[in-house]
PDB file of N, CA and C in Angstrom:
ATOM      1  N   MET A   1     100.281  41.676  59.779  1.00  0.00           N
ATOM      2  CA  MET A   1     100.455  43.058  60.133  1.00  0.00           C
ATOM      3  C   MET A   1      99.369  43.880  59.450  1.00  0.00           C
ATOM      4  N   GLU A   2      98.945  44.930  60.126  1.00  0.00           N
ATOM      5  CA  GLU A   2      97.919  45.824  59.589  1.00  0.00           C
ATOM      6  C   GLU A   2      98.489  47.226  59.438  1.00  0.00           C
ATOM      7  N   VAL A   3      98.247  47.852  58.297  1.00  0.00           N
ATOM      8  CA  VAL A   3      98.608  49.249  58.088  1.00  0.00           C
ATOM      9  C   VAL A   3      97.521  50.075  58.764  1.00  0.00           C
ATOM     10  N   THR A   4      97.922  50.966  59.668  1.00  0.00           N
ATOM     11  CA  THR A   4      96.938  51.737  60.438  1.00  0.00           C
ATOM     12  C   THR A   4      97.002  53.232  60.174  1.00  0.00           C
ATOM     13  N   GLY A   5      97.990  53.701  59.420  1.00  0.00           N
ATOM     14  CA  GLY A   5      98.091  55.121  59.145  1.00  0.00           C
ATOM     15  C   GLY A   5      99.139  55.409  58.088  1.00  0.00           C
ATOM     16  N   TYR A   6      99.220  56.689  57.704  1.00  0.00           N
ATOM     17  CA  TYR A   6     100.137  57.102  56.646  1.00  0.00           C
ATOM     18  C   TYR A   6     100.681  58.477  56.965  1.00  0.00           C
ATOM     19  N   THR A   7     102.007  58.640  56.834  1.00  0.00           N
ATOM     20  CA  THR A   7     102.635  59.932  57.093  1.00  0.00           C
ATOM     21  C   THR A   7     103.522  60.385  55.936  1.00  0.00           C
ATOM     22  N   GLY A   8     103.405  59.734  54.789  1.00  0.00           N
ATOM     23  CA  GLY A   8     104.247  60.049  53.640  1.00  0.00           C
ATOM     24  C   GLY A   8     103.750  61.239  52.839  1.00  0.00           C
ATOM     25  N   PRO A   9     104.363  61.455  51.677  1.00  0.00           N
ATOM     26  CA  PRO A   9     103.993  62.588  50.826  1.00  0.00           C
ATOM     27  C   PRO A   9     102.580  62.449  50.257  1.00  0.00           C
ATOM     28  N   LYS A  10     101.964  63.583  49.999  1.00  0.00           N
ATOM     29  CA  LYS A  10     100.603  63.602  49.451  1.00  0.00           C
ATOM     30  C   LYS A  10     100.622  63.645  47.926  1.00  0.00           C
ATOM     31  N   SER A  11     101.661  64.237  47.377  1.00  0.00           N
ATOM     32  CA  SER A  11     101.753  64.407  45.935  1.00  0.00           C
ATOM     33  C   SER A  11     102.700  63.355  45.361  1.00  0.00           C
ATOM     34  N   LEU A  12     102.122  62.319  44.774  1.00  0.00           N
ATOM     35  CA  LEU A  12     102.915  61.268  44.163  1.00  0.00           C
ATOM     36  C   LEU A  12     102.111  60.620  43.059  1.00  0.00           C
ATOM     37  N   ALA A  13     102.800  59.986  42.133  1.00  0.00           N
ATOM     38  CA  ALA A  13     102.120  59.359  40.997  1.00  0.00           C
ATOM     39  C   ALA A  13     101.462  58.050  41.395  1.00  0.00           C
ATOM     40  N   GLU A  14     102.106  57.328  42.320  1.00  0.00           N
ATOM     41  CA  GLU A  14     101.638  55.995  42.675  1.00  0.00           C
ATOM     42  C   GLU A  14     101.782  55.786  44.180  1.00  0.00           C
ATOM     43  N   LEU A  15     100.736  55.292  44.800  1.00  0.00           N
ATOM     44  CA  LEU A  15     100.787  54.905  46.210  1.00  0.00           C
ATOM     45  C   LEU A  15     100.750  53.388  46.241  1.00  0.00           C
ATOM     46  N   ARG A  16     101.905  52.794  46.510  1.00  0.00           N
ATOM     47  CA  ARG A  16     102.034  51.338  46.513  1.00  0.00           C
ATOM     48  C   ARG A  16     102.161  50.889  47.962  1.00  0.00           C
ATOM     49  N   ILE A  17     101.149  50.156  48.436  1.00  0.00           N
ATOM     50  CA  ILE A  17     101.195  49.605  49.784  1.00  0.00           C
ATOM     51  C   ILE A  17     102.244  48.488  49.770  1.00  0.00           C
ATOM     52  N   PRO A  18     103.186  48.484  50.717  1.00  0.00           N
ATOM     53  CA  PRO A  18     104.209  47.433  50.698  1.00  0.00           C
ATOM     54  C   PRO A  18     103.635  46.068  51.071  1.00  0.00           C
ATOM     55  N   ALA A  19     104.204  45.013  50.518  1.00  0.00           N
ATOM     56  CA  ALA A  19     103.782  43.647  50.847  1.00  0.00           C
ATOM     57  C   ALA A  19     104.314  43.233  52.213  1.00  0.00           C
ATOM     58  N   GLU A  20     105.427  43.861  52.628  1.00  0.00           N
ATOM     59  CA  GLU A  20     106.038  43.572  53.925  1.00  0.00           C
ATOM     60  C   GLU A  20     106.524  44.857  54.573  1.00  0.00           C
ATOM     61  N   ILE A  21     106.467  44.887  55.895  1.00  0.00           N
ATOM     62  CA  ILE A  21     107.041  45.976  56.678  1.00  0.00           C
ATOM     63  C   ILE A  21     107.865  45.327  57.783  1.00  0.00           C
ATOM     64  N   ASN A  22     109.133  45.678  57.840  1.00  0.00           N
ATOM     65  CA  ASN A  22     110.052  45.088  58.829  1.00  0.00           C
ATOM     66  C   ASN A  22     109.989  43.565  58.836  1.00  0.00           C
ATOM     67  N   GLY A  23     109.911  42.968  57.643  1.00  0.00           N
ATOM     68  CA  GLY A  23     109.912  41.521  57.514  1.00  0.00           C
ATOM     69  C   GLY A  23     108.595  40.829  57.812  1.00  0.00           C
ATOM     70  N   LYS A  24     107.549  41.608  58.129  1.00  0.00           N
ATOM     71  CA  LYS A  24     106.230  41.024  58.415  1.00  0.00           C
ATOM     72  C   LYS A  24     105.286  41.317  57.262  1.00  0.00           C
ATOM     73  N   LYS A  25     104.543  40.287  56.840  1.00  0.00           N
ATOM     74  CA  LYS A  25     103.590  40.426  55.741  1.00  0.00           C
ATOM     75  C   LYS A  25     102.467  41.392  56.115  1.00  0.00           C
ATOM     76  N   VAL A  26     102.146  42.292  55.193  1.00  0.00           N
ATOM     77  CA  VAL A  26     101.006  43.188  55.379  1.00  0.00           C
ATOM     78  C   VAL A  26      99.765  42.421  54.943  1.00  0.00           C
ATOM     79  N   LEU A  27      98.865  42.153  55.895  1.00  0.00           N
ATOM     80  CA  LEU A  27      97.668  41.356  55.636  1.00  0.00           C
ATOM     81  C   LEU A  27      96.400  42.188  55.555  1.00  0.00           C
ATOM     82  N   SER A  28      96.434  43.395  56.134  1.00  0.00           N
ATOM     83  CA  SER A  28      95.216  44.207  56.121  1.00  0.00           C
ATOM     84  C   SER A  28      95.547  45.691  56.150  1.00  0.00           C
ATOM     85  N   ILE A  29      94.561  46.466  55.717  1.00  0.00           N
ATOM     86  CA  ILE A  29      94.618  47.921  55.791  1.00  0.00           C
ATOM     87  C   ILE A  29      93.500  48.312  56.739  1.00  0.00           C
ATOM     88  N   GLY A  30      93.866  48.947  57.826  1.00  0.00           N
ATOM     89  CA  GLY A  30      92.926  49.221  58.905  1.00  0.00           C
ATOM     90  C   GLY A  30      91.898  50.294  58.602  1.00  0.00           C
ATOM     91  N   GLU A  31      90.890  50.329  59.455  1.00  0.00           N
ATOM     92  CA  GLU A  31      89.825  51.318  59.379  1.00  0.00           C
ATOM     93  C   GLU A  31      90.425  52.722  59.402  1.00  0.00           C
ATOM     94  N   ASP A  32      90.007  53.562  58.463  1.00  0.00           N
ATOM     95  CA  ASP A  32      90.442  54.966  58.366  1.00  0.00           C
ATOM     96  C   ASP A  32      91.954  55.150  58.215  1.00  0.00           C
ATOM     97  N   ALA A  33      92.683  54.127  57.800  1.00  0.00           N
ATOM     98  CA  ALA A  33      94.151  54.181  57.749  1.00  0.00           C
ATOM     99  C   ALA A  33      94.688  55.346  56.914  1.00  0.00           C
ATOM    100  N   PHE A  34      94.047  55.656  55.811  1.00  0.00           N
ATOM    101  CA  PHE A  34      94.511  56.732  54.935  1.00  0.00           C
ATOM    102  C   PHE A  34      93.486  57.867  54.852  1.00  0.00           C
ATOM    103  N   LYS A  35      92.514  57.862  55.731  1.00  0.00           N
ATOM    104  CA  LYS A  35      91.421  58.843  55.698  1.00  0.00           C
ATOM    105  C   LYS A  35      91.953  60.278  55.767  1.00  0.00           C
ATOM    106  N   ASP A  36      91.360  61.138  54.953  1.00  0.00           N
ATOM    107  CA  ASP A  36      91.654  62.576  54.943  1.00  0.00           C
ATOM    108  C   ASP A  36      93.101  62.927  54.606  1.00  0.00           C
ATOM    109  N   GLN A  37      93.789  62.085  53.876  1.00  0.00           N
ATOM    110  CA  GLN A  37      95.171  62.386  53.486  1.00  0.00           C
ATOM    111  C   GLN A  37      95.234  63.191  52.188  1.00  0.00           C
ATOM    112  N   TRP A  38      94.167  63.178  51.416  1.00  0.00           N
ATOM    113  CA  TRP A  38      94.069  63.906  50.152  1.00  0.00           C
ATOM    114  C   TRP A  38      95.189  63.523  49.187  1.00  0.00           C
ATOM    115  N   ILE A  39      95.390  62.229  49.057  1.00  0.00           N
ATOM    116  CA  ILE A  39      96.410  61.692  48.159  1.00  0.00           C
ATOM    117  C   ILE A  39      95.809  61.513  46.764  1.00  0.00           C
ATOM    118  N   ASN A  40      96.434  62.142  45.780  1.00  0.00           N
ATOM    119  CA  ASN A  40      95.986  62.040  44.395  1.00  0.00           C
ATOM    120  C   ASN A  40      96.986  61.157  43.656  1.00  0.00           C
ATOM    121  N   ALA A  41      96.710  59.855  43.628  1.00  0.00           N
ATOM    122  CA  ALA A  41      97.657  58.898  43.049  1.00  0.00           C
ATOM    123  C   ALA A  41      96.922  57.660  42.566  1.00  0.00           C
ATOM    124  N   ASP A  42      97.654  56.796  41.886  1.00  0.00           N
ATOM    125  CA  ASP A  42      97.158  55.465  41.546  1.00  0.00           C
ATOM    126  C   ASP A  42      97.500  54.565  42.726  1.00  0.00           C
ATOM    127  N   LEU A  43      96.509  53.895  43.282  1.00  0.00           N
ATOM    128  CA  LEU A  43      96.690  53.038  44.449  1.00  0.00           C
ATOM    129  C   LEU A  43      96.917  51.599  44.012  1.00  0.00           C
ATOM    130  N   ILE A  44      97.975  50.979  44.540  1.00  0.00           N
ATOM    131  CA  ILE A  44      98.262  49.574  44.249  1.00  0.00           C
ATOM    132  C   ILE A  44      98.383  48.834  45.576  1.00  0.00           C
ATOM    133  N   ILE A  45      97.523  47.842  45.753  1.00  0.00           N
ATOM    134  CA  ILE A  45      97.482  47.052  46.982  1.00  0.00           C
ATOM    135  C   ILE A  45      98.102  45.690  46.679  1.00  0.00           C
ATOM    136  N   PRO A  46      99.051  45.220  47.514  1.00  0.00           N
ATOM    137  CA  PRO A  46      99.740  43.957  47.221  1.00  0.00           C
ATOM    138  C   PRO A  46      98.854  42.732  47.418  1.00  0.00           C
ATOM    139  N   ASN A  47      99.264  41.633  46.819  1.00  0.00           N
ATOM    140  CA  ASN A  47      98.516  40.377  46.928  1.00  0.00           C
ATOM    141  C   ASN A  47      98.423  39.859  48.355  1.00  0.00           C
ATOM    142  N   SER A  48      99.308  40.291  49.230  1.00  0.00           N
ATOM    143  CA  SER A  48      99.291  39.822  50.618  1.00  0.00           C
ATOM    144  C   SER A  48      98.086  40.347  51.403  1.00  0.00           C
ATOM    145  N   VAL A  49      97.497  41.465  50.966  1.00  0.00           N
ATOM    146  CA  VAL A  49      96.383  42.083  51.702  1.00  0.00           C
ATOM    147  C   VAL A  49      95.106  41.278  51.500  1.00  0.00           C
ATOM    148  N   LYS A  50      94.512  40.876  52.616  1.00  0.00           N
ATOM    149  CA  LYS A  50      93.292  40.063  52.596  1.00  0.00           C
ATOM    150  C   LYS A  50      92.057  40.850  53.019  1.00  0.00           C
ATOM    151  N   SER A  51      92.255  42.013  53.665  1.00  0.00           N
ATOM    152  CA  SER A  51      91.088  42.799  54.075  1.00  0.00           C
ATOM    153  C   SER A  51      91.408  44.293  54.071  1.00  0.00           C
ATOM    154  N   ILE A  52      90.359  45.081  53.818  1.00  0.00           N
ATOM    155  CA  ILE A  52      90.443  46.539  53.821  1.00  0.00           C
ATOM    156  C   ILE A  52      89.348  47.041  54.742  1.00  0.00           C
ATOM    157  N   GLY A  53      89.729  47.838  55.728  1.00  0.00           N
ATOM    158  CA  GLY A  53      88.784  48.315  56.733  1.00  0.00           C
ATOM    159  C   GLY A  53      87.882  49.440  56.265  1.00  0.00           C
ATOM    160  N   ASP A  54      86.882  49.707  57.064  1.00  0.00           N
ATOM    161  CA  ASP A  54      85.884  50.741  56.824  1.00  0.00           C
ATOM    162  C   ASP A  54      86.550  52.107  56.636  1.00  0.00           C
ATOM    163  N   GLY A  55      86.241  52.775  55.539  1.00  0.00           N
ATOM    164  CA  GLY A  55      86.743  54.123  55.278  1.00  0.00           C
ATOM    165  C   GLY A  55      88.248  54.222  55.108  1.00  0.00           C
ATOM    166  N   ALA A  56      88.897  53.127  54.767  1.00  0.00           N
ATOM    167  CA  ALA A  56      90.362  53.087  54.714  1.00  0.00           C
ATOM    168  C   ALA A  56      90.973  54.166  53.823  1.00  0.00           C
ATOM    169  N   PHE A  57      90.319  54.507  52.733  1.00  0.00           N
ATOM    170  CA  PHE A  57      90.868  55.498  51.806  1.00  0.00           C
ATOM    171  C   PHE A  57      89.925  56.683  51.607  1.00  0.00           C
ATOM    172  N   MET A  58      89.046  56.905  52.547  1.00  0.00           N
ATOM    173  CA  MET A  58      88.053  57.970  52.443  1.00  0.00           C
ATOM    174  C   MET A  58      88.722  59.347  52.332  1.00  0.00           C
ATOM    175  N   GLU A  59      88.144  60.202  51.504  1.00  0.00           N
ATOM    176  CA  GLU A  59      88.611  61.577  51.289  1.00  0.00           C
ATOM    177  C   GLU A  59      89.993  61.638  50.638  1.00  0.00           C
ATOM    178  N   ASN A  60      90.203  60.775  49.669  1.00  0.00           N
ATOM    179  CA  ASN A  60      91.417  60.799  48.861  1.00  0.00           C
ATOM    180  C   ASN A  60      91.004  60.807  47.395  1.00  0.00           C
ATOM    181  N   PRO A  61      91.438  61.802  46.640  1.00  0.00           N
ATOM    182  CA  PRO A  61      91.074  61.858  45.221  1.00  0.00           C
ATOM    183  C   PRO A  61      91.940  60.913  44.384  1.00  0.00           C
ATOM    184  N   LEU A  62      91.864  59.629  44.710  1.00  0.00           N
ATOM    185  CA  LEU A  62      92.655  58.630  43.989  1.00  0.00           C
ATOM    186  C   LEU A  62      92.253  58.590  42.519  1.00  0.00           C
ATOM    187  N   ARG A  63      93.214  58.360  41.655  1.00  0.00           N
ATOM    188  CA  ARG A  63      92.934  58.243  40.222  1.00  0.00           C
ATOM    189  C   ARG A  63      92.457  56.844  39.872  1.00  0.00           C
ATOM    190  N   SER A  64      93.063  55.837  40.507  1.00  0.00           N
ATOM    191  CA  SER A  64      92.665  54.454  40.268  1.00  0.00           C
ATOM    192  C   SER A  64      93.043  53.621  41.487  1.00  0.00           C
ATOM    193  N   ALA A  65      92.438  52.441  41.580  1.00  0.00           N
ATOM    194  CA  ALA A  65      92.737  51.519  42.678  1.00  0.00           C
ATOM    195  C   ALA A  65      92.839  50.113  42.113  1.00  0.00           C
ATOM    196  N   SER A  66      93.946  49.439  42.392  1.00  0.00           N
ATOM    197  CA  SER A  66      94.171  48.071  41.946  1.00  0.00           C
ATOM    198  C   SER A  66      94.157  47.170  43.174  1.00  0.00           C
ATOM    199  N   ILE A  67      93.139  46.304  43.253  1.00  0.00           N
ATOM    200  CA  ILE A  67      92.908  45.468  44.430  1.00  0.00           C
ATOM    201  C   ILE A  67      93.123  44.008  44.042  1.00  0.00           C
ATOM    202  N   PRO A  68      93.889  43.246  44.849  1.00  0.00           N
ATOM    203  CA  PRO A  68      94.113  41.837  44.507  1.00  0.00           C
ATOM    204  C   PRO A  68      92.847  41.006  44.668  1.00  0.00           C
ATOM    205  N   SER A  69      92.674  40.014  43.819  1.00  0.00           N
ATOM    206  CA  SER A  69      91.478  39.168  43.897  1.00  0.00           C
ATOM    207  C   SER A  69      91.420  38.398  45.212  1.00  0.00           C
ATOM    208  N   GLY A  70      92.569  38.182  45.847  1.00  0.00           N
ATOM    209  CA  GLY A  70      92.613  37.477  47.124  1.00  0.00           C
ATOM    210  C   GLY A  70      92.131  38.305  48.296  1.00  0.00           C
ATOM    211  N   CYS A  71      91.831  39.560  48.053  1.00  0.00           N
ATOM    212  CA  CYS A  71      91.324  40.434  49.114  1.00  0.00           C
ATOM    213  C   CYS A  71      89.835  40.152  49.248  1.00  0.00           C
ATOM    214  N   ASP A  72      89.516  39.195  50.124  1.00  0.00           N
ATOM    215  CA  ASP A  72      88.141  38.709  50.194  1.00  0.00           C
ATOM    216  C   ASP A  72      87.271  39.428  51.211  1.00  0.00           C
ATOM    217  N   TYR A  73      87.822  40.367  51.942  1.00  0.00           N
ATOM    218  CA  TYR A  73      87.011  41.100  52.911  1.00  0.00           C
ATOM    219  C   TYR A  73      87.250  42.588  52.747  1.00  0.00           C
ATOM    220  N   VAL A  74      86.294  43.246  52.145  1.00  0.00           N
ATOM    221  CA  VAL A  74      86.342  44.693  52.004  1.00  0.00           C
ATOM    222  C   VAL A  74      85.154  45.230  52.779  1.00  0.00           C
ATOM    223  N   LYS A  75      85.427  45.837  53.923  1.00  0.00           N
ATOM    224  CA  LYS A  75      84.369  46.361  54.785  1.00  0.00           C
ATOM    225  C   LYS A  75      83.493  47.311  53.978  1.00  0.00           C
ATOM    226  N   ASP A  76      82.201  47.313  54.273  1.00  0.00           N
ATOM    227  CA  ASP A  76      81.224  48.098  53.517  1.00  0.00           C
ATOM    228  C   ASP A  76      81.680  49.519  53.227  1.00  0.00           C
ATOM    229  N   GLY A  77      82.222  50.196  54.202  1.00  0.00           N
ATOM    230  CA  GLY A  77      82.602  51.588  54.023  1.00  0.00           C
ATOM    231  C   GLY A  77      83.899  51.791  53.275  1.00  0.00           C
ATOM    232  N   ALA A  78      84.654  50.724  53.032  1.00  0.00           N
ATOM    233  CA  ALA A  78      85.934  50.884  52.333  1.00  0.00           C
ATOM    234  C   ALA A  78      85.708  51.478  50.956  1.00  0.00           C
ATOM    235  N   ASN A  79      84.599  51.113  50.316  1.00  0.00           N
ATOM    236  CA  ASN A  79      84.342  51.650  48.978  1.00  0.00           C
ATOM    237  C   ASN A  79      83.964  53.123  49.020  1.00  0.00           C
ATOM    238  N   ARG A  80      83.592  53.649  50.182  1.00  0.00           N
ATOM    239  CA  ARG A  80      83.333  55.083  50.300  1.00  0.00           C
ATOM    240  C   ARG A  80      84.618  55.866  50.105  1.00  0.00           C
ATOM    241  N   SER A  81      85.727  55.177  50.220  1.00  0.00           N
ATOM    242  CA  SER A  81      87.025  55.812  50.064  1.00  0.00           C
ATOM    243  C   SER A  81      87.227  56.363  48.678  1.00  0.00           C
ATOM    244  N   PHE A  82      86.655  55.696  47.719  1.00  0.00           N
ATOM    245  CA  PHE A  82      86.932  56.019  46.336  1.00  0.00           C
ATOM    246  C   PHE A  82      85.882  56.977  45.788  1.00  0.00           C
ATOM    247  N   ASP A  83      86.350  58.133  45.314  1.00  0.00           N
ATOM    248  CA  ASP A  83      85.450  59.107  44.718  1.00  0.00           C
ATOM    249  C   ASP A  83      84.762  58.490  43.510  1.00  0.00           C
ATOM    250  N   GLU A  84      83.605  59.018  43.197  1.00  0.00           N
ATOM    251  CA  GLU A  84      82.881  58.555  42.020  1.00  0.00           C
ATOM    252  C   GLU A  84      83.770  58.732  40.793  1.00  0.00           C
ATOM    253  N   GLY A  85      83.830  57.726  39.969  1.00  0.00           N
ATOM    254  CA  GLY A  85      84.626  57.803  38.755  1.00  0.00           C
ATOM    255  C   GLY A  85      86.024  57.229  38.879  1.00  0.00           C
ATOM    256  N   VAL A  86      86.433  56.839  40.093  1.00  0.00           N
ATOM    257  CA  VAL A  86      87.749  56.221  40.255  1.00  0.00           C
ATOM    258  C   VAL A  86      87.726  54.852  39.591  1.00  0.00           C
ATOM    259  N   LYS A  87      88.679  54.598  38.727  1.00  0.00           N
ATOM    260  CA  LYS A  87      88.763  53.301  38.050  1.00  0.00           C
ATOM    261  C   LYS A  87      89.291  52.274  39.053  1.00  0.00           C
ATOM    262  N   THR A  88      88.455  51.301  39.401  1.00  0.00           N
ATOM    263  CA  THR A  88      88.839  50.262  40.347  1.00  0.00           C
ATOM    264  C   THR A  88      88.930  48.939  39.609  1.00  0.00           C
ATOM    265  N   THR A  89      90.071  48.273  39.730  1.00  0.00           N
ATOM    266  CA  THR A  89      90.245  46.977  39.087  1.00  0.00           C
ATOM    267  C   THR A  89      90.612  45.926  40.124  1.00  0.00           C
ATOM    268  N   VAL A  90      90.110  44.720  39.908  1.00  0.00           N
ATOM    269  CA  VAL A  90      90.476  43.578  40.736  1.00  0.00           C
ATOM    270  C   VAL A  90      91.373  42.722  39.867  1.00  0.00           C
ATOM    271  N   ARG A  91      92.576  42.475  40.361  1.00  0.00           N
ATOM    272  CA  ARG A  91      93.543  41.736  39.546  1.00  0.00           C
ATOM    273  C   ARG A  91      93.813  40.359  40.141  1.00  0.00           C
ATOM    274  N   PRO A  92      94.208  39.411  39.298  1.00  0.00           N
ATOM    275  CA  PRO A  92      94.498  38.052  39.779  1.00  0.00           C
ATOM    276  C   PRO A  92      95.745  38.015  40.644  1.00  0.00           C
TER     277      PRO A  92
END
């Protein structure tokens, strides 16, 4: 399953992408999925996610991003999502 958009709150401490939606594993975050949402939070991506699309988090003042080491495909523009200075960690 691919996350293709977001309609939740903008003001939250943590944005945790679910590992499953309706019993299906979340494997990717689609192109522009969270673009222009202006979410100011710590982003946590589950180990199930294997790819992040172009501009997936663009225009979001994220405080930090935690990406699983198993996420082996991060489209070139996905890193444009993160403002300069965002602490990005790759975790095992």
